[in-house]
């Protein structure tokens, strides 16, 4: 069972999903931050929490780190 996302995480989720659909790959944390007016560190914390909630999956050492997202 997935925990619900915060409003801010929902914005991040939709940006990632739209970017992926348009470009065929996940955005970098820099791209997410630039689009949403957030620092890379803030984006990293949000993505970490979204991973704990079961919404995104990351692969460490890979660019971009996000390898999948679940439908919400």
PDB file of N, CA and C in Angstrom:
ATOM      1  N   UNK A   1       0.834  -1.177   0.000  1.00  0.00           N
ATOM      2  CA  UNK A   1       0.000   0.000   0.000  1.00  0.00           C
ATOM      3  C   UNK A   1       0.883   1.247   0.000  1.00  0.00           C
ATOM      4  N   UNK A   2       0.601   2.163  -0.920  1.00  0.00           N
ATOM      5  CA  UNK A   2       1.363   3.396  -1.001  1.00  0.00           C
ATOM      6  C   UNK A   2       0.787   4.439  -0.055  1.00  0.00           C
ATOM      7  N   UNK A   3       1.681   5.165   0.603  1.00  0.00           N
ATOM      8  CA  UNK A   3       1.254   6.296   1.412  1.00  0.00           C
ATOM      9  C   UNK A   3       0.937   7.454   0.480  1.00  0.00           C
ATOM     10  N   UNK A   4      -0.028   8.298   0.817  1.00  0.00           N
ATOM     11  CA  UNK A   4      -0.352   9.427  -0.055  1.00  0.00           C
ATOM     12  C   UNK A   4       0.801  10.424  -0.125  1.00  0.00           C
ATOM     13  N   UNK A   5       0.905  11.099  -1.255  1.00  0.00           N
ATOM     14  CA  UNK A   5       1.946  12.098  -1.454  1.00  0.00           C
ATOM     15  C   UNK A   5       1.483  13.454  -0.941  1.00  0.00           C
ATOM     16  N   UNK A   6       2.457  14.285  -0.549  1.00  0.00           N
ATOM     17  CA  UNK A   6       2.156  15.666  -0.210  1.00  0.00           C
ATOM     18  C   UNK A   6       1.859  16.422  -1.512  1.00  0.00           C
ATOM     19  N   UNK A   7       1.328  17.632  -1.403  1.00  0.00           N
ATOM     20  CA  UNK A   7       1.060  18.439  -2.597  1.00  0.00           C
ATOM     21  C   UNK A   7       2.345  18.692  -3.378  1.00  0.00           C
ATOM     22  N   UNK A   8       3.419  18.988  -2.662  1.00  0.00           N
ATOM     23  CA  UNK A   8       4.709  19.245  -3.303  1.00  0.00           C
ATOM     24  C   UNK A   8       5.219  17.996  -4.026  1.00  0.00           C
ATOM     25  N   UNK A   9       5.107  16.841  -3.394  1.00  0.00           N
ATOM     26  CA  UNK A   9       5.532  15.586  -4.020  1.00  0.00           C
ATOM     27  C   UNK A   9       4.660  15.257  -5.227  1.00  0.00           C
ATOM     28  N   UNK A  10       3.391  15.595  -5.159  1.00  0.00           N
ATOM     29  CA  UNK A  10       2.501  15.356  -6.292  1.00  0.00           C
ATOM     30  C   UNK A  10       2.939  16.196  -7.489  1.00  0.00           C
ATOM     31  N   UNK A  11       3.341  17.443  -7.247  1.00  0.00           N
ATOM     32  CA  UNK A  11       3.867  18.290  -8.334  1.00  0.00           C
ATOM     33  C   UNK A  11       5.117  17.662  -8.936  1.00  0.00           C
ATOM     34  N   UNK A  12       6.013  17.169  -8.079  1.00  0.00           N
ATOM     35  CA  UNK A  12       7.242  16.517  -8.559  1.00  0.00           C
ATOM     36  C   UNK A  12       6.881  15.286  -9.376  1.00  0.00           C
ATOM     37  N   UNK A  13       5.965  14.475  -8.862  1.00  0.00           N
ATOM     38  CA  UNK A  13       5.540  13.264  -9.566  1.00  0.00           C
ATOM     39  C   UNK A  13       5.036  13.604 -10.973  1.00  0.00           C
ATOM     40  N   UNK A  14       4.152  14.588 -11.073  1.00  0.00           N
ATOM     41  CA  UNK A  14       3.579  14.937 -12.376  1.00  0.00           C
ATOM     42  C   UNK A  14       4.637  15.505 -13.319  1.00  0.00           C
ATOM     43  N   UNK A  15       5.584  16.277 -12.785  1.00  0.00           N
ATOM     44  CA  UNK A  15       6.663  16.771 -13.633  1.00  0.00           C
ATOM     45  C   UNK A  15       7.483  15.607 -14.181  1.00  0.00           C
ATOM     46  N   UNK A  16       7.839  14.656 -13.308  1.00  0.00           N
ATOM     47  CA  UNK A  16       8.627  13.490 -13.743  1.00  0.00           C
ATOM     48  C   UNK A  16       7.858  12.706 -14.803  1.00  0.00           C
ATOM     49  N   UNK A  17       6.597  12.420 -14.542  1.00  0.00           N
ATOM     50  CA  UNK A  17       5.790  11.631 -15.480  1.00  0.00           C
ATOM     51  C   UNK A  17       5.666  12.328 -16.834  1.00  0.00           C
ATOM     52  N   UNK A  18       5.390  13.639 -16.828  1.00  0.00           N
ATOM     53  CA  UNK A  18       5.253  14.386 -18.084  1.00  0.00           C
ATOM     54  C   UNK A  18       6.581  14.451 -18.837  1.00  0.00           C
ATOM     55  N   UNK A  19       7.660  14.697 -18.107  1.00  0.00           N
ATOM     56  CA  UNK A  19       8.986  14.767 -18.722  1.00  0.00           C
ATOM     57  C   UNK A  19       9.332  13.424 -19.368  1.00  0.00           C
ATOM     58  N   UNK A  20       9.078  12.342 -18.635  1.00  0.00           N
ATOM     59  CA  UNK A  20       9.386  10.993 -19.121  1.00  0.00           C
ATOM     60  C   UNK A  20       8.584  10.681 -20.383  1.00  0.00           C
ATOM     61  N   UNK A  21       7.316  11.021 -20.348  1.00  0.00           N
ATOM     62  CA  UNK A  21       6.436  10.766 -21.495  1.00  0.00           C
ATOM     63  C   UNK A  21       6.924  11.542 -22.734  1.00  0.00           C
ATOM     64  N   UNK A  22       7.367  12.777 -22.534  1.00  0.00           N
ATOM     65  CA  UNK A  22       7.815  13.632 -23.628  1.00  0.00           C
ATOM     66  C   UNK A  22       9.195  13.246 -24.157  1.00  0.00           C
ATOM     67  N   UNK A  23      10.123  12.912 -23.252  1.00  0.00           N
ATOM     68  CA  UNK A  23      11.525  12.712 -23.620  1.00  0.00           C
ATOM     69  C   UNK A  23      11.983  11.260 -23.671  1.00  0.00           C
ATOM     70  N   UNK A  24      11.221  10.361 -23.076  1.00  0.00           N
ATOM     71  CA  UNK A  24      11.590   8.955 -23.086  1.00  0.00           C
ATOM     72  C   UNK A  24      12.563   8.549 -21.994  1.00  0.00           C
ATOM     73  N   UNK A  25      12.863   9.465 -21.084  1.00  0.00           N
ATOM     74  CA  UNK A  25      13.738   9.160 -19.948  1.00  0.00           C
ATOM     75  C   UNK A  25      13.388  10.113 -18.807  1.00  0.00           C
ATOM     76  N   UNK A  26      13.846   9.782 -17.601  1.00  0.00           N
ATOM     77  CA  UNK A  26      13.528  10.589 -16.420  1.00  0.00           C
ATOM     78  C   UNK A  26      14.376  11.858 -16.387  1.00  0.00           C
ATOM     79  N   UNK A  27      13.844  12.929 -15.793  1.00  0.00           N
ATOM     80  CA  UNK A  27      14.626  14.155 -15.657  1.00  0.00           C
ATOM     81  C   UNK A  27      15.686  14.019 -14.570  1.00  0.00           C
ATOM     82  N   UNK A  28      16.715  14.845 -14.659  1.00  0.00           N
ATOM     83  CA  UNK A  28      17.713  14.909 -13.594  1.00  0.00           C
ATOM     84  C   UNK A  28      17.134  15.699 -12.425  1.00  0.00           C
ATOM     85  N   UNK A  29      17.766  15.590 -11.272  1.00  0.00           N
ATOM     86  CA  UNK A  29      17.321  16.360 -10.113  1.00  0.00           C
ATOM     87  C   UNK A  29      17.448  17.854 -10.405  1.00  0.00           C
ATOM     88  N   UNK A  30      18.462  18.251 -11.159  1.00  0.00           N
ATOM     89  CA  UNK A  30      18.639  19.657 -11.532  1.00  0.00           C
ATOM     90  C   UNK A  30      17.472  20.141 -12.378  1.00  0.00           C
ATOM     91  N   UNK A  31      17.038  19.317 -13.321  1.00  0.00           N
ATOM     92  CA  UNK A  31      15.902  19.688 -14.170  1.00  0.00           C
ATOM     93  C   UNK A  31      14.616  19.792 -13.357  1.00  0.00           C
ATOM     94  N   UNK A  32      14.423  18.875 -12.432  1.00  0.00           N
ATOM     95  CA  UNK A  32      13.233  18.928 -11.573  1.00  0.00           C
ATOM     96  C   UNK A  32      13.268  20.207 -10.743  1.00  0.00           C
ATOM     97  N   UNK A  33      14.400  20.459 -10.113  1.00  0.00           N
ATOM     98  CA  UNK A  33      14.534  21.640  -9.267  1.00  0.00           C
ATOM     99  C   UNK A  33      14.348  22.935 -10.025  1.00  0.00           C
ATOM    100  N   UNK A  34      14.943  23.025 -11.212  1.00  0.00           N
ATOM    101  CA  UNK A  34      14.819  24.245 -12.014  1.00  0.00           C
ATOM    102  C   UNK A  34      13.373  24.492 -12.414  1.00  0.00           C
ATOM    103  N   UNK A  35      12.658  23.439 -12.763  1.00  0.00           N
ATOM    104  CA  UNK A  35      11.274  23.596 -13.190  1.00  0.00           C
ATOM    105  C   UNK A  35      10.354  23.981 -12.042  1.00  0.00           C
ATOM    106  N   UNK A  36      10.631  23.466 -10.857  1.00  0.00           N
ATOM    107  CA  UNK A  36       9.743  23.685  -9.719  1.00  0.00           C
ATOM    108  C   UNK A  36      10.258  24.716  -8.721  1.00  0.00           C
ATOM    109  N   UNK A  37      11.415  25.323  -9.018  1.00  0.00           N
ATOM    110  CA  UNK A  37      11.962  26.333  -8.122  1.00  0.00           C
ATOM    111  C   UNK A  37      12.476  25.767  -6.810  1.00  0.00           C
ATOM    112  N   UNK A  38      13.041  24.567  -6.865  1.00  0.00           N
ATOM    113  CA  UNK A  38      13.560  23.895  -5.668  1.00  0.00           C
ATOM    114  C   UNK A  38      15.041  23.601  -5.854  1.00  0.00           C
ATOM    115  N   UNK A  39      15.780  23.508  -4.762  1.00  0.00           N
ATOM    116  CA  UNK A  39      17.199  23.153  -4.841  1.00  0.00           C
ATOM    117  C   UNK A  39      17.335  21.656  -5.121  1.00  0.00           C
ATOM    118  N   UNK A  40      18.498  21.261  -5.639  1.00  0.00           N
ATOM    119  CA  UNK A  40      18.754  19.836  -5.872  1.00  0.00           C
ATOM    120  C   UNK A  40      18.663  19.052  -4.568  1.00  0.00           C
ATOM    121  N   UNK A  41      19.109  19.659  -3.476  1.00  0.00           N
ATOM    122  CA  UNK A  41      19.047  18.980  -2.181  1.00  0.00           C
ATOM    123  C   UNK A  41      17.596  18.745  -1.758  1.00  0.00           C
ATOM    124  N   UNK A  42      16.747  19.732  -1.980  1.00  0.00           N
ATOM    125  CA  UNK A  42      15.323  19.580  -1.634  1.00  0.00           C
ATOM    126  C   UNK A  42      14.683  18.515  -2.507  1.00  0.00           C
ATOM    127  N   UNK A  43      15.015  18.534  -3.796  1.00  0.00           N
ATOM    128  CA  UNK A  43      14.493  17.515  -4.711  1.00  0.00           C
ATOM    129  C   UNK A  43      14.944  16.139  -4.247  1.00  0.00           C
ATOM    130  N   UNK A  44      16.212  15.999  -3.878  1.00  0.00           N
ATOM    131  CA  UNK A  44      16.726  14.707  -3.421  1.00  0.00           C
ATOM    132  C   UNK A  44      15.950  14.209  -2.212  1.00  0.00           C
ATOM    133  N   UNK A  45      15.682  15.094  -1.249  1.00  0.00           N
ATOM    134  CA  UNK A  45      14.925  14.682  -0.055  1.00  0.00           C
ATOM    135  C   UNK A  45      13.509  14.250  -0.428  1.00  0.00           C
ATOM    136  N   UNK A  46      12.871  14.992  -1.341  1.00  0.00           N
ATOM    137  CA  UNK A  46      11.512  14.620  -1.759  1.00  0.00           C
ATOM    138  C   UNK A  46      11.516  13.268  -2.474  1.00  0.00           C
ATOM    139  N   UNK A  47      12.484  13.053  -3.357  1.00  0.00           N
ATOM    140  CA  UNK A  47      12.559  11.786  -4.094  1.00  0.00           C
ATOM    141  C   UNK A  47      12.838  10.635  -3.127  1.00  0.00           C
ATOM    142  N   UNK A  48      13.714  10.856  -2.138  1.00  0.00           N
ATOM    143  CA  UNK A  48      13.968   9.819  -1.127  1.00  0.00           C
ATOM    144  C   UNK A  48      12.674   9.436  -0.425  1.00  0.00           C
ATOM    145  N   UNK A  49      11.889  10.443  -0.031  1.00  0.00           N
ATOM    146  CA  UNK A  49      10.627  10.166   0.654  1.00  0.00           C
ATOM    147  C   UNK A  49       9.644   9.473  -0.285  1.00  0.00           C
ATOM    148  N   UNK A  50       9.609   9.899  -1.538  1.00  0.00           N
ATOM    149  CA  UNK A  50       8.715   9.256  -2.506  1.00  0.00           C
ATOM    150  C   UNK A  50       9.126   7.805  -2.738  1.00  0.00           C
ATOM    151  N   UNK A  51      10.424   7.530  -2.669  1.00  0.00           N
ATOM    152  CA  UNK A  51      10.893   6.148  -2.799  1.00  0.00           C
ATOM    153  C   UNK A  51      10.430   5.319  -1.598  1.00  0.00           C
ATOM    154  N   UNK A  52      10.534   5.870  -0.400  1.00  0.00           N
ATOM    155  CA  UNK A  52      10.055   5.159   0.796  1.00  0.00           C
ATOM    156  C   UNK A  52       8.556   4.898   0.715  1.00  0.00           C
ATOM    157  N   UNK A  53       7.826   5.794   0.075  1.00  0.00           N
ATOM    158  CA  UNK A  53       6.381   5.641  -0.076  1.00  0.00           C
ATOM    159  C   UNK A  53       6.013   4.669  -1.200  1.00  0.00           C
ATOM    160  N   UNK A  54       7.010   4.227  -1.960  1.00  0.00           N
ATOM    161  CA  UNK A  54       6.772   3.234  -3.001  1.00  0.00           C
ATOM    162  C   UNK A  54       6.333   3.796  -4.337  1.00  0.00           C
ATOM    163  N   UNK A  55       6.535   5.102  -4.562  1.00  0.00           N
ATOM    164  CA  UNK A  55       6.083   5.738  -5.789  1.00  0.00           C
ATOM    165  C   UNK A  55       7.163   5.733  -6.870  1.00  0.00           C
ATOM    166  N   UNK A  56       8.409   5.938  -6.467  1.00  0.00           N
ATOM    167  CA  UNK A  56       9.507   5.930  -7.434  1.00  0.00           C
ATOM    168  C   UNK A  56      10.525   4.872  -7.033  1.00  0.00           C
ATOM    169  N   UNK A  57      11.291   4.460  -8.007  1.00  0.00           N
ATOM    170  CA  UNK A  57      12.400   3.540  -7.757  1.00  0.00           C
ATOM    171  C   UNK A  57      13.642   4.169  -8.345  1.00  0.00           C
ATOM    172  N   UNK A  58      14.727   4.145  -7.564  1.00  0.00           N
ATOM    173  CA  UNK A  58      15.987   4.719  -8.030  1.00  0.00           C
ATOM    174  C   UNK A  58      17.034   3.626  -8.131  1.00  0.00           C
ATOM    175  N   UNK A  59      18.027   3.897  -8.961  1.00  0.00           N
ATOM    176  CA  UNK A  59      19.184   3.017  -9.080  1.00  0.00           C
ATOM    177  C   UNK A  59      20.407   3.884  -8.848  1.00  0.00           C
ATOM    178  N   UNK A  60      21.109   3.611  -7.780  1.00  0.00           N
ATOM    179  CA  UNK A  60      22.234   4.440  -7.387  1.00  0.00           C
ATOM    180  C   UNK A  60      23.401   4.262  -8.346  1.00  0.00           C
ATOM    181  N   UNK A  61      24.094   5.364  -8.615  1.00  0.00           N
ATOM    182  CA  UNK A  61      25.225   5.338  -9.528  1.00  0.00           C
ATOM    183  C   UNK A  61      24.803   5.433 -10.981  1.00  0.00           C
ATOM    184  N   UNK A  62      23.540   5.631 -11.239  1.00  0.00           N
ATOM    185  CA  UNK A  62      23.010   5.712 -12.598  1.00  0.00           C
ATOM    186  C   UNK A  62      22.473   7.115 -12.830  1.00  0.00           C
ATOM    187  N   UNK A  63      22.648   7.622 -14.013  1.00  0.00           N
ATOM    188  CA  UNK A  63      22.106   8.931 -14.384  1.00  0.00           C
ATOM    189  C   UNK A  63      21.106   8.728 -15.498  1.00  0.00           C
ATOM    190  N   UNK A  64      19.881   9.198 -15.424  1.00  0.00           N
ATOM    191  CA  UNK A  64      19.250   9.719 -14.219  1.00  0.00           C
ATOM    192  C   UNK A  64      18.982   8.601 -13.213  1.00  0.00           C
ATOM    193  N   UNK A  65      18.933   8.974 -11.950  1.00  0.00           N
ATOM    194  CA  UNK A  65      18.796   7.981 -10.878  1.00  0.00           C
ATOM    195  C   UNK A  65      17.414   7.333 -10.843  1.00  0.00           C
ATOM    196  N   UNK A  66      16.395   8.043 -11.290  1.00  0.00           N
ATOM    197  CA  UNK A  66      15.026   7.510 -11.244  1.00  0.00           C
ATOM    198  C   UNK A  66      14.859   6.525 -12.397  1.00  0.00           C
ATOM    199  N   UNK A  67      14.512   5.286 -12.062  1.00  0.00           N
ATOM    200  CA  UNK A  67      14.366   4.258 -13.108  1.00  0.00           C
ATOM    201  C   UNK A  67      12.929   3.847 -13.338  1.00  0.00           C
ATOM    202  N   UNK A  68      12.018   4.159 -12.409  1.00  0.00           N
ATOM    203  CA  UNK A  68      10.618   3.862 -12.642  1.00  0.00           C
ATOM    204  C   UNK A  68       9.744   4.662 -11.693  1.00  0.00           C
ATOM    205  N   UNK A  69       8.497   4.875 -12.126  1.00  0.00           N
ATOM    206  CA  UNK A  69       7.501   5.498 -11.265  1.00  0.00           C
ATOM    207  C   UNK A  69       6.230   4.663 -11.365  1.00  0.00           C
ATOM    208  N   UNK A  70       5.486   4.642 -10.260  1.00  0.00           N
ATOM    209  CA  UNK A  70       4.227   3.911 -10.243  1.00  0.00           C
ATOM    210  C   UNK A  70       3.083   4.863 -10.529  1.00  0.00           C
ATOM    211  N   UNK A  71       2.041   4.334 -11.095  1.00  0.00           N
ATOM    212  CA  UNK A  71       0.829   5.108 -11.362  1.00  0.00           C
ATOM    213  C   UNK A  71       0.192   5.509 -10.031  1.00  0.00           C
ATOM    214  N   UNK A  72      -0.183   6.780  -9.899  1.00  0.00           N
ATOM    215  CA  UNK A  72      -0.881   7.201  -8.669  1.00  0.00           C
ATOM    216  C   UNK A  72      -2.308   7.572  -9.008  1.00  0.00           C
TER     217      UNK A  72
END
